[in-house]
């Protein structure tokens, strides 16, 4: 009889934490769902319009040659340049394991070989990830009086790129390359995770 109140407290405490966990879980589920929708929606959207510069976000390079993914991004940027979307192209990305080459320089050389004048190409060669490249490109734009850019990458990557560039004060239009993996759910879920880390300042 006298022990009943003592037993009730742990039960109430357990009920409280169960309810709290349910609320937290539901909130996370809703957040991830909404962010996934934003990533997917941006991946399918082509916002190409006239801007100050085209920015190609780097991908892997092999011994000085762009990987198929990177080459597809660069080819798309070259097409936009030929259409007069912007007078300059910035290629981004630092060196990987092979310190002789950087993604930015490899991209610049590839576009120059395609006939784009070197005076209209800029290589950002220090960025080790998307965030660093976004910051360095924004600095290049600021130093050269540029305010708007057309960002070229894979569709699933575009939402995070835009948010990072906008955080640096740039006006950004997404121009995803044509990609059969555009609706890959795992890649988009990975972007939700990476975007969240950035928002939490953990990246």
Protein backbone atom coordinates (compact mmCIF):
# COMPACT_ATOMS: atom_id res chain seq x y z
CA UNK A 1 0.00 0.00 0.00
CA UNK A 2 2.68 2.48 1.00
CA UNK A 3 4.97 1.43 -1.85
CA UNK A 4 2.59 2.40 -4.66
CA UNK A 5 3.64 6.09 -4.96
CA UNK A 6 7.29 5.05 -5.26
CA UNK A 7 6.45 2.73 -8.16
CA UNK A 8 4.37 5.40 -9.90
CA UNK A 9 7.29 7.81 -10.26
CA UNK A 10 9.44 5.57 -12.48
CA UNK A 11 6.38 4.81 -14.59
CA UNK A 12 5.59 8.49 -15.04
CA UNK A 13 9.25 9.17 -15.85
CA UNK A 14 9.27 6.34 -18.39
CA UNK A 15 6.09 7.64 -19.99
CA UNK A 16 7.55 11.14 -20.21
CA UNK A 17 10.74 9.97 -21.97
CA UNK A 18 8.73 7.73 -24.30
CA UNK A 19 6.58 10.69 -25.31
CA UNK A 20 9.65 12.92 -25.70
CA UNK A 21 11.35 10.31 -27.89
CA UNK A 22 8.22 10.01 -30.04
CA UNK A 23 8.13 13.80 -30.54
CA UNK A 24 11.83 13.99 -31.40
CA UNK A 25 11.54 11.05 -33.81
CA UNK A 26 8.50 12.57 -35.53
CA UNK A 27 10.26 15.94 -35.83
CA UNK A 28 13.35 14.34 -37.39
CA UNK A 29 11.21 12.33 -39.77
CA UNK A 30 9.34 15.44 -40.93
CA UNK A 31 12.60 17.43 -41.26
CA UNK A 32 14.30 14.71 -43.32
CA UNK A 33 11.23 14.32 -45.50
CA UNK A 34 10.95 18.04 -46.22
CA UNK A 35 14.68 18.40 -46.88
CA UNK A 36 14.65 15.35 -49.16
CA UNK A 37 11.80 16.96 -51.09
CA UNK A 38 13.85 20.19 -51.44
CA UNK A 39 16.90 18.25 -52.69
CA UNK A 40 14.83 16.27 -55.18
CA UNK A 41 12.90 19.30 -56.38
CA UNK A 42 16.10 21.30 -56.94
CA UNK A 43 17.73 18.37 -58.75
CA UNK A 44 15.02 18.46 -61.42
CA UNK A 45 15.03 22.23 -61.88
CA UNK A 46 17.01 23.99 -64.61
CA UNK A 47 17.28 27.67 -63.68
CA UNK A 48 19.75 28.62 -66.42
CA UNK A 49 19.75 32.32 -67.21
CA UNK A 50 22.27 35.05 -67.93
CA UNK A 51 24.74 35.58 -65.10
CA UNK A 52 28.20 36.98 -64.41
CA UNK A 53 29.93 33.61 -64.37
CA UNK A 54 29.42 29.86 -64.79
CA UNK A 55 30.82 27.81 -61.90
CA UNK A 56 31.63 24.13 -62.45
CA UNK A 57 31.96 22.17 -59.22
CA UNK A 58 34.73 19.62 -59.46
CA UNK A 59 34.68 15.84 -59.40
CA UNK A 60 37.38 13.21 -59.61
CA UNK A 61 40.27 13.48 -62.05
CA UNK A 62 42.64 10.72 -63.11
CA UNK A 63 46.24 11.61 -63.91
CA UNK A 64 45.27 14.98 -65.30
CA UNK A 65 42.12 13.84 -67.10
CA UNK A 66 38.57 14.54 -65.86
CA UNK A 67 36.52 11.54 -64.80
CA UNK A 68 33.37 10.79 -66.84
CA UNK A 69 31.23 12.58 -64.25
CA UNK A 70 33.48 15.65 -64.23
CA UNK A 71 33.74 15.65 -68.02
CA UNK A 72 29.95 15.68 -68.29
CA UNK A 73 29.79 18.70 -65.99
CA UNK A 74 32.47 20.49 -67.99
CA UNK A 75 30.77 19.71 -71.30
CA UNK A 76 27.52 21.11 -69.95
CA UNK A 77 29.31 24.28 -68.84
CA UNK A 78 30.91 24.59 -72.29
CA UNK A 79 27.46 24.37 -73.89
CA UNK A 80 26.14 27.10 -71.62
CA UNK A 81 29.15 29.28 -72.41
CA UNK A 82 28.57 28.77 -76.15
CA UNK A 83 24.98 29.91 -75.65
CA UNK A 84 26.24 33.14 -74.10
CA UNK A 85 24.92 32.42 -70.61
CA UNK A 86 28.01 34.03 -69.02
CA UNK A 87 31.35 35.44 -70.24
CA UNK A 88 33.51 33.50 -67.75
CA UNK A 89 33.80 29.98 -66.36
CA UNK A 90 35.27 29.07 -62.98
CA UNK A 91 36.31 25.45 -62.41
CA UNK A 92 36.71 24.29 -58.83
CA UNK A 93 38.46 21.67 -56.75
CA UNK A 94 41.78 21.01 -55.08
CA UNK A 95 44.22 18.14 -55.44
CA UNK A 96 43.33 14.65 -54.33
CA UNK A 97 45.84 11.90 -53.73
CA UNK A 98 47.85 12.89 -56.81
CA UNK A 99 49.31 16.25 -55.81
CA UNK A 100 50.47 16.94 -59.36
CA UNK A 101 46.94 17.82 -60.42
CA UNK A 102 43.96 19.68 -59.01
CA UNK A 103 40.37 19.28 -60.15
CA UNK A 104 40.14 23.00 -60.85
CA UNK A 105 43.21 23.06 -63.09
CA UNK A 106 42.25 19.85 -64.88
CA UNK A 107 38.82 21.31 -65.60
CA UNK A 108 40.33 24.55 -66.86
CA UNK A 109 42.74 22.70 -69.16
CA UNK A 110 39.93 20.53 -70.51
CA UNK A 111 37.78 23.54 -71.38
CA UNK A 112 40.75 25.35 -72.93
CA UNK A 113 41.34 22.29 -75.13
CA UNK A 114 37.70 22.56 -76.20
CA UNK A 115 38.45 26.02 -77.56
CA UNK A 116 37.32 28.30 -74.77
CA UNK A 117 39.79 31.22 -74.50
CA UNK A 118 42.06 30.97 -71.47
CA UNK A 119 41.31 34.60 -70.64
CA UNK A 120 37.74 33.53 -69.95
CA UNK A 121 38.67 30.65 -67.65
CA UNK A 122 39.53 30.76 -63.94
CA UNK A 123 40.64 27.76 -61.89
CA UNK A 124 39.93 27.55 -58.17
CA UNK A 125 42.45 24.93 -57.04
CA UNK A 126 42.40 24.92 -53.23
CA UNK A 127 38.91 23.79 -52.24
CA UNK A 128 38.97 20.36 -50.60
CA UNK A 129 35.19 20.01 -50.50
CA UNK A 130 32.00 21.73 -51.63
CA UNK A 131 31.98 24.21 -48.77
CA UNK A 132 35.57 25.34 -49.29
CA UNK A 133 35.02 25.66 -53.03
CA UNK A 134 31.84 27.68 -52.45
CA UNK A 135 33.70 30.09 -50.16
CA UNK A 136 36.65 30.47 -52.53
CA UNK A 137 34.43 30.98 -55.57
CA UNK A 138 32.42 33.60 -53.69
CA UNK A 139 35.69 35.38 -52.85
CA UNK A 140 36.75 35.29 -56.52
CA UNK A 141 33.38 36.70 -57.54
CA UNK A 142 33.58 39.48 -54.95
CA UNK A 143 37.11 40.45 -55.97
CA UNK A 144 36.03 40.68 -59.61
CA UNK A 145 32.78 42.54 -59.04
CA UNK A 146 30.60 39.56 -59.93
CA UNK A 147 27.31 38.94 -58.16
CA UNK A 148 25.50 36.10 -59.94
CA UNK A 149 26.50 32.67 -61.13
CA UNK A 150 25.11 29.61 -62.87
CA UNK A 151 26.23 26.59 -60.87
CA UNK A 152 26.91 23.36 -62.77
CA UNK A 153 27.05 20.01 -61.02
CA UNK A 154 24.98 16.85 -60.63
CA UNK A 155 21.33 17.43 -59.82
CA UNK A 156 21.37 15.84 -56.38
CA UNK A 157 24.28 18.14 -55.42
CA UNK A 158 22.55 21.36 -56.47
CA UNK A 159 20.45 22.15 -53.38
CA UNK A 160 23.47 22.14 -51.06
CA UNK A 161 25.58 24.13 -53.52
CA UNK A 162 22.94 26.83 -53.80
CA UNK A 163 22.52 27.15 -50.05
CA UNK A 164 26.28 27.36 -49.48
CA UNK A 165 26.80 29.94 -52.22
CA UNK A 166 23.83 32.00 -51.06
CA UNK A 167 25.29 32.00 -47.56
CA UNK A 168 28.32 33.75 -49.08
CA UNK A 169 26.11 36.45 -50.59
CA UNK A 170 25.99 35.19 -54.17
CA UNK A 171 22.93 34.94 -56.41
CA UNK A 172 22.89 31.37 -57.70
CA UNK A 173 21.02 29.66 -60.53
CA UNK A 174 21.18 25.89 -60.73
CA UNK A 175 22.02 24.18 -64.03
CA UNK A 176 22.34 20.43 -63.34
CA UNK A 177 24.01 18.30 -65.96
CA UNK A 178 21.96 15.63 -67.68
CA UNK A 179 22.32 12.65 -65.39
CA UNK A 180 20.54 9.28 -65.36
CA UNK A 181 21.24 9.13 -61.60
CA UNK A 182 19.29 12.33 -60.97
CA UNK A 183 16.61 10.42 -59.06
CA UNK A 184 18.99 8.16 -57.11
CA UNK A 185 17.48 8.04 -53.62
CA UNK A 186 20.68 7.07 -51.83
CA UNK A 187 22.56 10.02 -53.29
CA UNK A 188 19.76 12.37 -52.27
CA UNK A 189 19.61 10.95 -48.75
CA UNK A 190 23.37 11.47 -48.54
CA UNK A 191 22.82 15.11 -49.50
CA UNK A 192 20.22 15.48 -46.75
CA UNK A 193 22.84 14.24 -44.27
CA UNK A 194 25.62 16.49 -45.62
CA UNK A 195 23.34 19.52 -45.77
CA UNK A 196 22.30 18.92 -42.16
CA UNK A 197 25.92 18.67 -41.03
CA UNK A 198 26.62 22.00 -42.71
CA UNK A 199 23.60 23.63 -41.10
CA UNK A 200 24.82 22.37 -37.73
CA UNK A 201 28.31 23.69 -38.55
CA UNK A 202 29.74 20.18 -38.28
CA UNK A 203 31.09 20.10 -41.83
